[in-house]
PDB file of N, CA and C in Angstrom:
ATOM      1  N   MET A   1       0.845  -1.179   0.000  1.00  0.00           N
ATOM      2  CA  MET A   1       0.000   0.000   0.000  1.00  0.00           C
ATOM      3  C   MET A   1       0.890   1.241   0.000  1.00  0.00           C
ATOM      4  N   PHE A   2       0.537   2.220  -0.805  1.00  0.00           N
ATOM      5  CA  PHE A   2       1.342   3.426  -0.907  1.00  0.00           C
ATOM      6  C   PHE A   2       0.489   4.659  -0.629  1.00  0.00           C
ATOM      7  N   ALA A   3       1.142   5.705  -0.169  1.00  0.00           N
ATOM      8  CA  ALA A   3       0.498   6.993   0.077  1.00  0.00           C
ATOM      9  C   ALA A   3       1.377   8.080  -0.517  1.00  0.00           C
ATOM     10  N   ARG A   4       0.762   9.211  -0.819  1.00  0.00           N
ATOM     11  CA  ARG A   4       1.510  10.322  -1.405  1.00  0.00           C
ATOM     12  C   ARG A   4       1.670  11.433  -0.371  1.00  0.00           C
ATOM     13  N   LEU A   5       2.842  12.047  -0.390  1.00  0.00           N
ATOM     14  CA  LEU A   5       3.099  13.248   0.387  1.00  0.00           C
ATOM     15  C   LEU A   5       3.235  14.399  -0.590  1.00  0.00           C
ATOM     16  N   LEU A   6       2.527  15.467  -0.342  1.00  0.00           N
ATOM     17  CA  LEU A   6       2.643  16.665  -1.153  1.00  0.00           C
ATOM     18  C   LEU A   6       3.316  17.717  -0.280  1.00  0.00           C
ATOM     19  N   VAL A   7       4.539  18.078  -0.627  1.00  0.00           N
ATOM     20  CA  VAL A   7       5.345  19.001   0.167  1.00  0.00           C
ATOM     21  C   VAL A   7       5.550  20.279  -0.625  1.00  0.00           C
ATOM     22  N   THR A   8       5.281  21.412  -0.001  1.00  0.00           N
ATOM     23  CA  THR A   8       5.511  22.712  -0.613  1.00  0.00           C
ATOM     24  C   THR A   8       6.438  23.507   0.291  1.00  0.00           C
ATOM     25  N   GLY A   9       7.444  24.129  -0.301  1.00  0.00           N
ATOM     26  CA  GLY A   9       8.389  24.925   0.474  1.00  0.00           C
ATOM     27  C   GLY A   9       9.021  26.006  -0.375  1.00  0.00           C
ATOM     28  N   GLN A  10       9.862  26.791   0.265  1.00  0.00           N
ATOM     29  CA  GLN A  10      10.595  27.827  -0.446  1.00  0.00           C
ATOM     30  C   GLN A  10      11.608  27.171  -1.376  1.00  0.00           C
ATOM     31  N   ASN A  11      11.786  27.714  -2.552  1.00  0.00           N
ATOM     32  CA  ASN A  11      12.731  27.162  -3.520  1.00  0.00           C
ATOM     33  C   ASN A  11      14.139  27.514  -3.071  1.00  0.00           C
ATOM     34  N   ASP A  12      14.676  26.647  -2.250  1.00  0.00           N
ATOM     35  CA  ASP A  12      16.009  26.807  -1.667  1.00  0.00           C
ATOM     36  C   ASP A  12      16.836  25.599  -2.092  1.00  0.00           C
ATOM     37  N   GLU A  13      18.077  25.807  -2.419  1.00  0.00           N
ATOM     38  CA  GLU A  13      18.905  24.706  -2.922  1.00  0.00           C
ATOM     39  C   GLU A  13      19.133  23.599  -1.893  1.00  0.00           C
ATOM     40  N   THR A  14      18.879  23.862  -0.626  1.00  0.00           N
ATOM     41  CA  THR A  14      19.088  22.839   0.398  1.00  0.00           C
ATOM     42  C   THR A  14      17.812  22.109   0.801  1.00  0.00           C
ATOM     43  N   LEU A  15      16.660  22.517   0.297  1.00  0.00           N
ATOM     44  CA  LEU A  15      15.398  21.907   0.721  1.00  0.00           C
ATOM     45  C   LEU A  15      15.313  20.435   0.314  1.00  0.00           C
ATOM     46  N   LEU A  16      15.568  20.119  -0.932  1.00  0.00           N
ATOM     47  CA  LEU A  16      15.465  18.729  -1.393  1.00  0.00           C
ATOM     48  C   LEU A  16      16.435  17.812  -0.647  1.00  0.00           C
ATOM     49  N   PRO A  17      17.713  18.174  -0.494  1.00  0.00           N
ATOM     50  CA  PRO A  17      18.611  17.286   0.273  1.00  0.00           C
ATOM     51  C   PRO A  17      18.165  17.086   1.724  1.00  0.00           C
ATOM     52  N   ARG A  18      17.605  18.119   2.355  1.00  0.00           N
ATOM     53  CA  ARG A  18      17.138  17.971   3.735  1.00  0.00           C
ATOM     54  C   ARG A  18      15.946  17.018   3.804  1.00  0.00           C
ATOM     55  N   ILE A  19      15.031  17.119   2.850  1.00  0.00           N
ATOM     56  CA  ILE A  19      13.877  16.223   2.821  1.00  0.00           C
ATOM     57  C   ILE A  19      14.335  14.788   2.580  1.00  0.00           C
ATOM     58  N   LEU A  20      15.237  14.593   1.657  1.00  0.00           N
ATOM     59  CA  LEU A  20      15.740  13.256   1.364  1.00  0.00           C
ATOM     60  C   LEU A  20      16.487  12.668   2.562  1.00  0.00           C
ATOM     61  N   ARG A  21      17.175  13.498   3.332  1.00  0.00           N
ATOM     62  CA  ARG A  21      17.866  13.037   4.527  1.00  0.00           C
ATOM     63  C   ARG A  21      16.861  12.512   5.563  1.00  0.00           C
ATOM     64  N   VAL A  22      15.755  13.225   5.763  1.00  0.00           N
ATOM     65  CA  VAL A  22      14.720  12.777   6.701  1.00  0.00           C
ATOM     66  C   VAL A  22      14.121  11.448   6.222  1.00  0.00           C
ATOM     67  N   LEU A  23      13.842  11.346   4.936  1.00  0.00           N
ATOM     68  CA  LEU A  23      13.292  10.096   4.391  1.00  0.00           C
ATOM     69  C   LEU A  23      14.263   8.938   4.598  1.00  0.00           C
ATOM     70  N   SER A  24      15.527   9.188   4.378  1.00  0.00           N
ATOM     71  CA  SER A  24      16.546   8.158   4.533  1.00  0.00           C
ATOM     72  C   SER A  24      16.666   7.704   5.985  1.00  0.00           C
ATOM     73  N   LYS A  25      16.680   8.658   6.910  1.00  0.00           N
ATOM     74  CA  LYS A  25      16.806   8.310   8.330  1.00  0.00           C
ATOM     75  C   LYS A  25      15.607   7.516   8.831  1.00  0.00           C
ATOM     76  N   GLN A  26      14.445   7.717   8.229  1.00  0.00           N
ATOM     77  CA  GLN A  26      13.245   6.981   8.619  1.00  0.00           C
ATOM     78  C   GLN A  26      13.144   5.636   7.907  1.00  0.00           C
ATOM     79  N   GLY A  27      14.049   5.378   6.982  1.00  0.00           N
ATOM     80  CA  GLY A  27      14.016   4.129   6.234  1.00  0.00           C
ATOM     81  C   GLY A  27      12.850   4.052   5.267  1.00  0.00           C
ATOM     82  N   ALA A  28      12.351   5.211   4.857  1.00  0.00           N
ATOM     83  CA  ALA A  28      11.201   5.264   3.953  1.00  0.00           C
ATOM     84  C   ALA A  28      11.616   4.815   2.559  1.00  0.00           C
ATOM     85  N   GLN A  29      10.816   3.955   1.985  1.00  0.00           N
ATOM     86  CA  GLN A  29      11.059   3.494   0.626  1.00  0.00           C
ATOM     87  C   GLN A  29      10.274   4.383  -0.328  1.00  0.00           C
ATOM     88  N   VAL A  30      10.998   5.178  -1.096  1.00  0.00           N
ATOM     89  CA  VAL A  30      10.369   6.107  -2.039  1.00  0.00           C
ATOM     90  C   VAL A  30      10.069   5.352  -3.324  1.00  0.00           C
ATOM     91  N   ARG A  31       8.811   5.335  -3.693  1.00  0.00           N
ATOM     92  CA  ARG A  31       8.413   4.678  -4.939  1.00  0.00           C
ATOM     93  C   ARG A  31       8.580   5.631  -6.111  1.00  0.00           C
ATOM     94  N   SER A  32       8.202   6.902  -5.906  1.00  0.00           N
ATOM     95  CA  SER A  32       8.410   7.908  -6.945  1.00  0.00           C
ATOM     96  C   SER A  32       8.522   9.279  -6.302  1.00  0.00           C
ATOM     97  N   LEU A  33       9.201  10.160  -6.992  1.00  0.00           N
ATOM     98  CA  LEU A  33       9.378  11.519  -6.522  1.00  0.00           C
ATOM     99  C   LEU A  33       9.305  12.445  -7.736  1.00  0.00           C
ATOM    100  N   LYS A  34       8.386  13.400  -7.677  1.00  0.00           N
ATOM    101  CA  LYS A  34       8.247  14.377  -8.753  1.00  0.00           C
ATOM    102  C   LYS A  34       8.449  15.756  -8.145  1.00  0.00           C
ATOM    103  N   MET A  35       9.203  16.581  -8.836  1.00  0.00           N
ATOM    104  CA  MET A  35       9.505  17.904  -8.326  1.00  0.00           C
ATOM    105  C   MET A  35       9.108  18.952  -9.356  1.00  0.00           C
ATOM    106  N   ASP A  36       8.473  20.002  -8.875  1.00  0.00           N
ATOM    107  CA  ASP A  36       8.100  21.131  -9.718  1.00  0.00           C
ATOM    108  C   ASP A  36       8.661  22.385  -9.056  1.00  0.00           C
ATOM    109  N   ALA A  37       9.606  23.015  -9.721  1.00  0.00           N
ATOM    110  CA  ALA A  37      10.250  24.199  -9.159  1.00  0.00           C
ATOM    111  C   ALA A  37       9.773  25.445  -9.887  1.00  0.00           C
ATOM    112  N   GLU A  38       9.353  26.417  -9.105  1.00  0.00           N
ATOM    113  CA  GLU A  38       9.005  27.729  -9.626  1.00  0.00           C
ATOM    114  C   GLU A  38      10.024  28.708  -9.082  1.00  0.00           C
ATOM    115  N   GLU A  39       9.819  29.974  -9.363  1.00  0.00           N
ATOM    116  CA  GLU A  39      10.769  30.978  -8.932  1.00  0.00           C
ATOM    117  C   GLU A  39      10.999  30.970  -7.426  1.00  0.00           C
ATOM    118  N   ASP A  40       9.920  30.960  -6.651  1.00  0.00           N
ATOM    119  CA  ASP A  40      10.070  31.036  -5.202  1.00  0.00           C
ATOM    120  C   ASP A  40       9.465  29.849  -4.462  1.00  0.00           C
ATOM    121  N   ARG A  41       8.911  28.872  -5.161  1.00  0.00           N
ATOM    122  CA  ARG A  41       8.280  27.701  -4.534  1.00  0.00           C
ATOM    123  C   ARG A  41       8.829  26.417  -5.135  1.00  0.00           C
ATOM    124  N   LEU A  42       8.869  25.406  -4.278  1.00  0.00           N
ATOM    125  CA  LEU A  42       9.263  24.072  -4.696  1.00  0.00           C
ATOM    126  C   LEU A  42       8.159  23.131  -4.245  1.00  0.00           C
ATOM    127  N   GLN A  43       7.629  22.342  -5.163  1.00  0.00           N
ATOM    128  CA  GLN A  43       6.575  21.398  -4.826  1.00  0.00           C
ATOM    129  C   GLN A  43       7.068  19.989  -5.129  1.00  0.00           C
ATOM    130  N   LEU A  44       6.935  19.123  -4.144  1.00  0.00           N
ATOM    131  CA  LEU A  44       7.354  17.737  -4.286  1.00  0.00           C
ATOM    132  C   LEU A  44       6.148  16.823  -4.119  1.00  0.00           C
ATOM    133  N   ASP A  45       6.051  15.847  -4.978  1.00  0.00           N
ATOM    134  CA  ASP A  45       5.028  14.813  -4.883  1.00  0.00           C
ATOM    135  C   ASP A  45       5.795  13.510  -4.671  1.00  0.00           C
ATOM    136  N   ILE A  46       5.745  12.993  -3.432  1.00  0.00           N
ATOM    137  CA  ILE A  46       6.534  11.828  -3.054  1.00  0.00           C
ATOM    138  C   ILE A  46       5.591  10.671  -2.752  1.00  0.00           C
ATOM    139  N   GLN A  47       5.824   9.536  -3.380  1.00  0.00           N
ATOM    140  CA  GLN A  47       5.012   8.358  -3.117  1.00  0.00           C
ATOM    141  C   GLN A  47       5.817   7.413  -2.228  1.00  0.00           C
ATOM    142  N   LEU A  48       5.251   7.110  -1.031  1.00  0.00           N
ATOM    143  CA  LEU A  48       5.910   6.287  -0.020  1.00  0.00           C
ATOM    144  C   LEU A  48       5.013   5.131   0.379  1.00  0.00           C
ATOM    145  N   GLN A  49       5.596   4.216   1.166  1.00  0.00           N
ATOM    146  CA  GLN A  49       4.778   3.182   1.783  1.00  0.00           C
ATOM    147  C   GLN A  49       3.801   3.856   2.734  1.00  0.00           C
ATOM    148  N   ASP A  50       2.580   3.394   2.741  1.00  0.00           N
ATOM    149  CA  ASP A  50       1.509   3.967   3.548  1.00  0.00           C
ATOM    150  C   ASP A  50       1.844   3.964   5.038  1.00  0.00           C
ATOM    151  N   VAL A  51       2.587   2.969   5.490  1.00  0.00           N
ATOM    152  CA  VAL A  51       2.899   2.804   6.906  1.00  0.00           C
ATOM    153  C   VAL A  51       3.695   3.981   7.455  1.00  0.00           C
ATOM    154  N   VAL A  52       4.639   4.498   6.685  1.00  0.00           N
ATOM    155  CA  VAL A  52       5.516   5.558   7.190  1.00  0.00           C
ATOM    156  C   VAL A  52       5.105   6.955   6.741  1.00  0.00           C
ATOM    157  N   ALA A  53       4.141   7.071   5.866  1.00  0.00           N
ATOM    158  CA  ALA A  53       3.799   8.377   5.283  1.00  0.00           C
ATOM    159  C   ALA A  53       3.352   9.385   6.338  1.00  0.00           C
ATOM    160  N   ALA A  54       2.487   9.003   7.253  1.00  0.00           N
ATOM    161  CA  ALA A  54       2.001   9.932   8.276  1.00  0.00           C
ATOM    162  C   ALA A  54       3.129  10.351   9.209  1.00  0.00           C
ATOM    163  N   GLN A  55       3.977   9.409   9.578  1.00  0.00           N
ATOM    164  CA  GLN A  55       5.107   9.711  10.456  1.00  0.00           C
ATOM    165  C   GLN A  55       6.089  10.659   9.765  1.00  0.00           C
ATOM    166  N   VAL A  56       6.390  10.413   8.520  1.00  0.00           N
ATOM    167  CA  VAL A  56       7.314  11.269   7.776  1.00  0.00           C
ATOM    168  C   VAL A  56       6.727  12.666   7.596  1.00  0.00           C
ATOM    169  N   ALA A  57       5.429  12.749   7.355  1.00  0.00           N
ATOM    170  CA  ALA A  57       4.776  14.061   7.203  1.00  0.00           C
ATOM    171  C   ALA A  57       4.942  14.887   8.470  1.00  0.00           C
ATOM    172  N   LYS A  58       4.757  14.275   9.633  1.00  0.00           N
ATOM    173  CA  LYS A  58       4.934  14.992  10.899  1.00  0.00           C
ATOM    174  C   LYS A  58       6.372  15.448  11.081  1.00  0.00           C
ATOM    175  N   LEU A  59       7.316  14.573  10.777  1.00  0.00           N
ATOM    176  CA  LEU A  59       8.728  14.924  10.929  1.00  0.00           C
ATOM    177  C   LEU A  59       9.138  16.062   9.999  1.00  0.00           C
ATOM    178  N   LEU A  60       8.671  16.017   8.763  1.00  0.00           N
ATOM    179  CA  LEU A  60       9.025  17.075   7.814  1.00  0.00           C
ATOM    180  C   LEU A  60       8.500  18.427   8.276  1.00  0.00           C
ATOM    181  N   SER A  61       7.278  18.441   8.778  1.00  0.00           N
ATOM    182  CA  SER A  61       6.710  19.718   9.208  1.00  0.00           C
ATOM    183  C   SER A  61       7.392  20.246  10.468  1.00  0.00           C
ATOM    184  N   LYS A  62       7.957  19.366  11.289  1.00  0.00           N
ATOM    185  CA  LYS A  62       8.640  19.799  12.510  1.00  0.00           C
ATOM    186  C   LYS A  62      10.108  20.139  12.279  1.00  0.00           C
ATOM    187  N   GLN A  63      10.806  19.330  11.496  1.00  0.00           N
ATOM    188  CA  GLN A  63      12.252  19.457  11.367  1.00  0.00           C
ATOM    189  C   GLN A  63      12.710  20.373  10.239  1.00  0.00           C
ATOM    190  N   ILE A  64      11.871  20.560   9.241  1.00  0.00           N
ATOM    191  CA  ILE A  64      12.275  21.339   8.070  1.00  0.00           C
ATOM    192  C   ILE A  64      11.266  22.450   7.859  1.00  0.00           C
ATOM    193  N   SER A  65      11.753  23.632   7.566  1.00  0.00           N
ATOM    194  CA  SER A  65      10.829  24.753   7.350  1.00  0.00           C
ATOM    195  C   SER A  65      10.206  24.633   5.959  1.00  0.00           C
ATOM    196  N   VAL A  66       9.004  24.071   5.937  1.00  0.00           N
ATOM    197  CA  VAL A  66       8.238  23.931   4.710  1.00  0.00           C
ATOM    198  C   VAL A  66       6.929  24.685   4.877  1.00  0.00           C
ATOM    199  N   VAL A  67       6.316  25.057   3.775  1.00  0.00           N
ATOM    200  CA  VAL A  67       5.038  25.780   3.809  1.00  0.00           C
ATOM    201  C   VAL A  67       3.926  24.821   4.199  1.00  0.00           C
ATOM    202  N   SER A  68       3.890  23.625   3.572  1.00  0.00           N
ATOM    203  CA  SER A  68       2.846  22.659   3.901  1.00  0.00           C
ATOM    204  C   SER A  68       3.302  21.250   3.570  1.00  0.00           C
ATOM    205  N   VAL A  69       2.738  20.287   4.319  1.00  0.00           N
ATOM    206  CA  VAL A  69       2.939  18.858   4.063  1.00  0.00           C
ATOM    207  C   VAL A  69       1.561  18.211   4.180  1.00  0.00           C
ATOM    208  N   ASN A  70       1.114  17.569   3.118  1.00  0.00           N
ATOM    209  CA  ASN A  70      -0.184  16.903   3.110  1.00  0.00           C
ATOM    210  C   ASN A  70      -0.018  15.463   2.679  1.00  0.00           C
ATOM    211  N   THR A  71      -0.802  14.579   3.279  1.00  0.00           N
ATOM    212  CA  THR A  71      -0.799  13.184   2.871  1.00  0.00           C
ATOM    213  C   THR A  71      -2.055  12.884   2.072  1.00  0.00           C
ATOM    214  N   VAL A  72      -1.898  12.078   1.033  1.00  0.00           N
ATOM    215  CA  VAL A  72      -3.012  11.656   0.190  1.00  0.00           C
ATOM    216  C   VAL A  72      -2.935  10.140   0.105  1.00  0.00           C
ATOM    217  N   ALA A  73      -3.995   9.466   0.505  1.00  0.00           N
ATOM    218  CA  ALA A  73      -3.999   7.994   0.486  1.00  0.00           C
ATOM    219  C   ALA A  73      -4.265   7.472  -0.898  1.00  0.00           C
TER     220      ALA A  73
END
């Protein structure tokens, strides 16, 4: 079972590596990752195992300064 995380943040060159570091530390298996970069916003659509998606969403919103993190089942 997989769930999607929709992450929106400031378009900063360190945002993607920080998000990937959190995913790696949680042992999250990324099925797909799509990134859409605009001038001042970065939007990520990450497909993860359903089991860890809610936990990762909480960690991202606490540990990394992002605008929003939403889970979609």
